[in-house]
N, C-alpha and C. Protein backbone atom coordinates (compact mmCIF):
# COMPACT_ATOMS: atom_id res chain seq x y z
N UNK A 1 9.76 0.68 33.78
CA UNK A 1 9.37 0.26 32.45
C UNK A 1 8.14 -0.64 32.57
N UNK A 2 7.12 -0.31 31.79
CA UNK A 2 5.91 -1.12 31.80
C UNK A 2 6.04 -2.26 30.80
N UNK A 3 5.54 -3.39 31.17
CA UNK A 3 5.55 -4.54 30.27
C UNK A 3 4.14 -4.73 29.74
N UNK A 4 4.05 -4.94 28.43
CA UNK A 4 2.75 -5.10 27.79
C UNK A 4 2.67 -6.48 27.16
N UNK A 5 1.43 -6.97 27.05
CA UNK A 5 1.20 -8.26 26.42
C UNK A 5 -0.14 -8.21 25.70
N UNK A 6 -0.28 -9.05 24.69
CA UNK A 6 -1.53 -9.23 23.98
C UNK A 6 -2.12 -10.55 24.43
N UNK A 7 -3.29 -10.50 25.04
CA UNK A 7 -3.91 -11.69 25.60
C UNK A 7 -5.28 -11.88 24.95
N UNK A 8 -5.56 -13.10 24.50
CA UNK A 8 -6.88 -13.46 23.99
C UNK A 8 -7.53 -14.38 25.01
N UNK A 9 -8.75 -14.01 25.44
CA UNK A 9 -9.45 -14.77 26.47
C UNK A 9 -10.79 -15.24 25.91
N UNK A 10 -11.14 -16.50 26.17
CA UNK A 10 -12.42 -17.06 25.77
C UNK A 10 -13.53 -16.38 26.57
N UNK A 11 -14.54 -15.86 25.88
CA UNK A 11 -15.60 -15.12 26.56
C UNK A 11 -16.52 -15.98 27.40
N UNK A 12 -16.67 -17.24 27.08
CA UNK A 12 -17.59 -18.09 27.83
C UNK A 12 -16.93 -18.76 29.02
N UNK A 13 -15.73 -19.30 28.82
CA UNK A 13 -15.10 -20.04 29.91
C UNK A 13 -14.08 -19.21 30.68
N UNK A 14 -13.59 -18.14 30.07
CA UNK A 14 -12.58 -17.33 30.73
C UNK A 14 -11.17 -17.88 30.61
N UNK A 15 -11.00 -18.91 29.79
CA UNK A 15 -9.69 -19.51 29.62
C UNK A 15 -8.82 -18.64 28.70
N UNK A 16 -7.55 -18.62 28.98
CA UNK A 16 -6.61 -17.86 28.16
C UNK A 16 -6.34 -18.64 26.87
N UNK A 17 -6.69 -18.05 25.73
CA UNK A 17 -6.49 -18.71 24.45
C UNK A 17 -5.09 -18.50 23.91
N UNK A 18 -4.58 -17.28 24.06
CA UNK A 18 -3.21 -17.01 23.62
C UNK A 18 -2.61 -15.88 24.44
N UNK A 19 -1.31 -15.95 24.60
CA UNK A 19 -0.56 -14.92 25.31
C UNK A 19 0.67 -14.59 24.48
N UNK A 20 0.82 -13.32 24.16
CA UNK A 20 1.96 -12.92 23.33
C UNK A 20 2.52 -11.61 23.87
N UNK A 21 3.83 -11.59 24.05
CA UNK A 21 4.48 -10.36 24.51
C UNK A 21 4.35 -9.29 23.45
N UNK A 22 4.15 -8.06 23.88
CA UNK A 22 3.99 -6.94 22.96
C UNK A 22 5.23 -6.76 22.09
N UNK A 23 6.39 -6.97 22.66
CA UNK A 23 7.64 -6.81 21.90
C UNK A 23 7.74 -7.81 20.77
N UNK A 24 7.09 -8.97 20.90
CA UNK A 24 7.15 -10.00 19.87
C UNK A 24 6.02 -9.86 18.85
N UNK A 25 5.13 -8.89 19.03
CA UNK A 25 3.99 -8.72 18.14
C UNK A 25 4.45 -8.11 16.81
N UNK A 26 3.65 -8.38 15.77
CA UNK A 26 3.96 -7.82 14.46
C UNK A 26 3.59 -6.34 14.43
N UNK A 27 4.03 -5.66 13.40
CA UNK A 27 3.74 -4.22 13.27
C UNK A 27 2.24 -3.99 13.18
N UNK A 28 1.52 -4.85 12.48
CA UNK A 28 0.07 -4.70 12.36
C UNK A 28 -0.63 -4.84 13.69
N UNK A 29 -0.19 -5.81 14.50
CA UNK A 29 -0.79 -6.00 15.82
C UNK A 29 -0.50 -4.81 16.73
N UNK A 30 0.70 -4.27 16.63
CA UNK A 30 1.03 -3.09 17.43
C UNK A 30 0.20 -1.89 17.00
N UNK A 31 -0.02 -1.75 15.69
CA UNK A 31 -0.81 -0.64 15.17
C UNK A 31 -2.26 -0.75 15.64
N UNK A 32 -2.83 -1.96 15.59
CA UNK A 32 -4.20 -2.17 16.05
C UNK A 32 -4.31 -1.87 17.54
N UNK A 33 -3.34 -2.30 18.33
CA UNK A 33 -3.36 -2.03 19.77
C UNK A 33 -3.26 -0.54 20.04
N UNK A 34 -2.42 0.17 19.27
CA UNK A 34 -2.27 1.62 19.44
C UNK A 34 -3.57 2.34 19.09
N UNK A 35 -4.19 1.98 17.97
CA UNK A 35 -5.42 2.65 17.54
C UNK A 35 -6.57 2.35 18.49
N UNK A 36 -6.61 1.14 19.04
CA UNK A 36 -7.66 0.81 20.01
C UNK A 36 -7.49 1.65 21.28
N UNK A 37 -6.25 1.80 21.73
CA UNK A 37 -6.00 2.63 22.92
C UNK A 37 -6.29 4.10 22.64
N UNK A 38 -5.98 4.56 21.44
CA UNK A 38 -6.28 5.95 21.06
C UNK A 38 -7.78 6.17 21.01
N UNK A 39 -8.52 5.22 20.46
CA UNK A 39 -9.97 5.32 20.37
C UNK A 39 -10.62 5.31 21.74
N UNK A 40 -10.06 4.56 22.67
CA UNK A 40 -10.60 4.48 24.02
C UNK A 40 -10.22 5.68 24.88
N UNK A 41 -9.37 6.55 24.37
CA UNK A 41 -8.96 7.73 25.13
C UNK A 41 -7.86 7.47 26.12
N UNK A 42 -7.15 6.35 25.96
CA UNK A 42 -6.07 6.01 26.89
C UNK A 42 -4.77 6.71 26.51
N UNK A 43 -4.68 7.22 25.29
CA UNK A 43 -3.47 7.89 24.83
C UNK A 43 -3.82 9.34 24.53
N UNK A 44 -3.04 10.26 25.05
CA UNK A 44 -3.26 11.67 24.74
C UNK A 44 -4.18 12.38 25.69
N UNK A 45 -4.91 11.65 26.50
CA UNK A 45 -5.78 12.26 27.49
C UNK A 45 -6.86 13.13 26.87
N UNK A 46 -7.15 14.22 27.54
CA UNK A 46 -8.23 15.11 27.13
C UNK A 46 -7.92 15.79 25.80
N UNK A 47 -6.65 16.03 25.51
CA UNK A 47 -6.29 16.71 24.26
C UNK A 47 -6.61 15.84 23.04
N UNK A 48 -6.31 14.57 23.11
CA UNK A 48 -6.63 13.67 22.01
C UNK A 48 -8.14 13.54 21.86
N UNK A 49 -8.87 13.53 22.96
CA UNK A 49 -10.32 13.44 22.88
C UNK A 49 -10.91 14.70 22.26
N UNK A 50 -10.33 15.86 22.55
CA UNK A 50 -10.80 17.10 21.94
C UNK A 50 -10.52 17.12 20.44
N UNK A 51 -9.38 16.59 20.03
CA UNK A 51 -9.07 16.50 18.60
C UNK A 51 -10.05 15.56 17.91
N UNK A 52 -10.36 14.43 18.54
CA UNK A 52 -11.34 13.50 17.97
C UNK A 52 -12.72 14.14 17.90
N UNK A 53 -13.10 14.91 18.90
CA UNK A 53 -14.38 15.61 18.88
C UNK A 53 -14.44 16.62 17.74
N UNK A 54 -13.36 17.38 17.55
CA UNK A 54 -13.32 18.35 16.45
C UNK A 54 -13.42 17.65 15.10
N UNK A 55 -12.75 16.52 14.95
CA UNK A 55 -12.82 15.77 13.70
C UNK A 55 -14.23 15.25 13.46
N UNK A 56 -14.88 14.75 14.50
CA UNK A 56 -16.24 14.24 14.37
C UNK A 56 -17.21 15.36 14.01
N UNK A 57 -17.07 16.51 14.64
CA UNK A 57 -17.94 17.64 14.33
C UNK A 57 -17.68 18.15 12.91
N UNK A 58 -16.44 18.06 12.46
CA UNK A 58 -16.12 18.44 11.09
C UNK A 58 -16.80 17.55 10.07
N UNK A 59 -16.88 16.25 10.35
CA UNK A 59 -17.56 15.32 9.44
C UNK A 59 -19.05 15.64 9.40
N UNK A 60 -19.64 15.90 10.56
CA UNK A 60 -21.06 16.25 10.60
C UNK A 60 -21.32 17.55 9.84
N UNK A 61 -20.46 18.54 10.03
CA UNK A 61 -20.61 19.82 9.34
C UNK A 61 -20.45 19.65 7.83
N UNK A 62 -19.52 18.82 7.41
CA UNK A 62 -19.32 18.57 5.99
C UNK A 62 -20.57 17.92 5.38
N UNK A 63 -21.14 16.96 6.06
CA UNK A 63 -22.36 16.32 5.56
C UNK A 63 -23.53 17.29 5.52
N UNK A 64 -23.68 18.11 6.56
CA UNK A 64 -24.79 19.07 6.59
C UNK A 64 -24.64 20.13 5.50
N UNK A 65 -23.42 20.60 5.26
CA UNK A 65 -23.23 21.61 4.22
C UNK A 65 -23.45 21.01 2.82
N UNK A 66 -23.07 19.76 2.62
CA UNK A 66 -23.33 19.10 1.35
C UNK A 66 -24.81 18.91 1.10
N UNK A 67 -25.55 18.52 2.14
CA UNK A 67 -26.99 18.34 2.01
C UNK A 67 -27.67 19.69 1.75
N UNK A 68 -27.24 20.73 2.45
CA UNK A 68 -27.82 22.05 2.24
C UNK A 68 -27.53 22.56 0.83
N UNK A 69 -26.34 22.32 0.34
CA UNK A 69 -26.00 22.73 -1.02
C UNK A 69 -26.84 21.99 -2.04
N UNK A 70 -27.01 20.68 -1.85
CA UNK A 70 -27.82 19.88 -2.77
C UNK A 70 -29.26 20.35 -2.77
N UNK A 71 -29.82 20.53 -1.57
CA UNK A 71 -31.22 20.94 -1.50
C UNK A 71 -31.40 22.36 -2.03
N UNK A 72 -30.44 23.24 -1.77
CA UNK A 72 -30.52 24.61 -2.27
C UNK A 72 -30.54 24.66 -3.79
N UNK A 73 -29.70 23.87 -4.42
CA UNK A 73 -29.67 23.84 -5.88
C UNK A 73 -30.93 23.18 -6.43
N UNK A 74 -31.39 22.14 -5.79
CA UNK A 74 -32.57 21.41 -6.26
C UNK A 74 -33.82 22.28 -6.17
N UNK A 75 -33.97 23.01 -5.11
CA UNK A 75 -35.16 23.84 -4.92
C UNK A 75 -35.14 25.04 -5.85
N UNK A 76 -33.98 25.63 -6.07
CA UNK A 76 -33.89 26.80 -6.93
C UNK A 76 -34.04 26.47 -8.41
N UNK A 77 -33.66 25.28 -8.83
CA UNK A 77 -33.71 24.92 -10.25
C UNK A 77 -35.12 24.66 -10.74
N UNK A 78 -36.00 24.19 -9.88
CA UNK A 78 -37.34 23.83 -10.33
C UNK A 78 -38.10 25.04 -10.88
N UNK A 79 -38.18 26.19 -10.19
CA UNK A 79 -38.88 27.34 -10.77
C UNK A 79 -38.20 27.84 -12.04
N UNK A 80 -36.87 27.81 -12.08
CA UNK A 80 -36.16 28.27 -13.27
C UNK A 80 -36.48 27.38 -14.46
N UNK A 81 -36.56 26.07 -14.26
CA UNK A 81 -36.87 25.15 -15.35
C UNK A 81 -38.29 25.38 -15.86
N UNK A 82 -39.23 25.63 -14.94
CA UNK A 82 -40.60 25.91 -15.37
C UNK A 82 -40.66 27.19 -16.19
N UNK A 83 -39.92 28.21 -15.77
CA UNK A 83 -39.90 29.48 -16.50
C UNK A 83 -39.31 29.29 -17.90
N UNK A 84 -38.22 28.51 -17.97
CA UNK A 84 -37.58 28.28 -19.26
C UNK A 84 -38.47 27.48 -20.19
N UNK A 85 -39.19 26.50 -19.66
CA UNK A 85 -40.10 25.70 -20.50
C UNK A 85 -41.29 26.53 -20.99
N UNK A 86 -41.72 27.48 -20.20
CA UNK A 86 -42.85 28.31 -20.62
C UNK A 86 -42.46 29.30 -21.72
N UNK A 87 -41.21 29.60 -21.84
CA UNK A 87 -40.73 30.57 -22.84
C UNK A 87 -40.56 29.93 -24.21
N UNK A 88 -40.53 28.61 -24.29
CA UNK A 88 -40.31 27.97 -25.59
C UNK A 88 -41.59 27.52 -26.24
């Protein structure tokens, strides 16, 4: 069984500011520790990293498709508006 602890260390002096056993931590502190480990790739190994990569590429693709849709509509509407104004 591995024992875990939450340790806060002063960055300048290296002194231990606080030491708290993981079992005594609140749910929020445990959640933050879990998400930090997940983000660092310590949980799930290569499979979790591949899922994160797919999610990141999905966000990029969503942004690119939204921009392309916006620009496509904007470019196509200008000639149509000119044609409609010339007819009146």
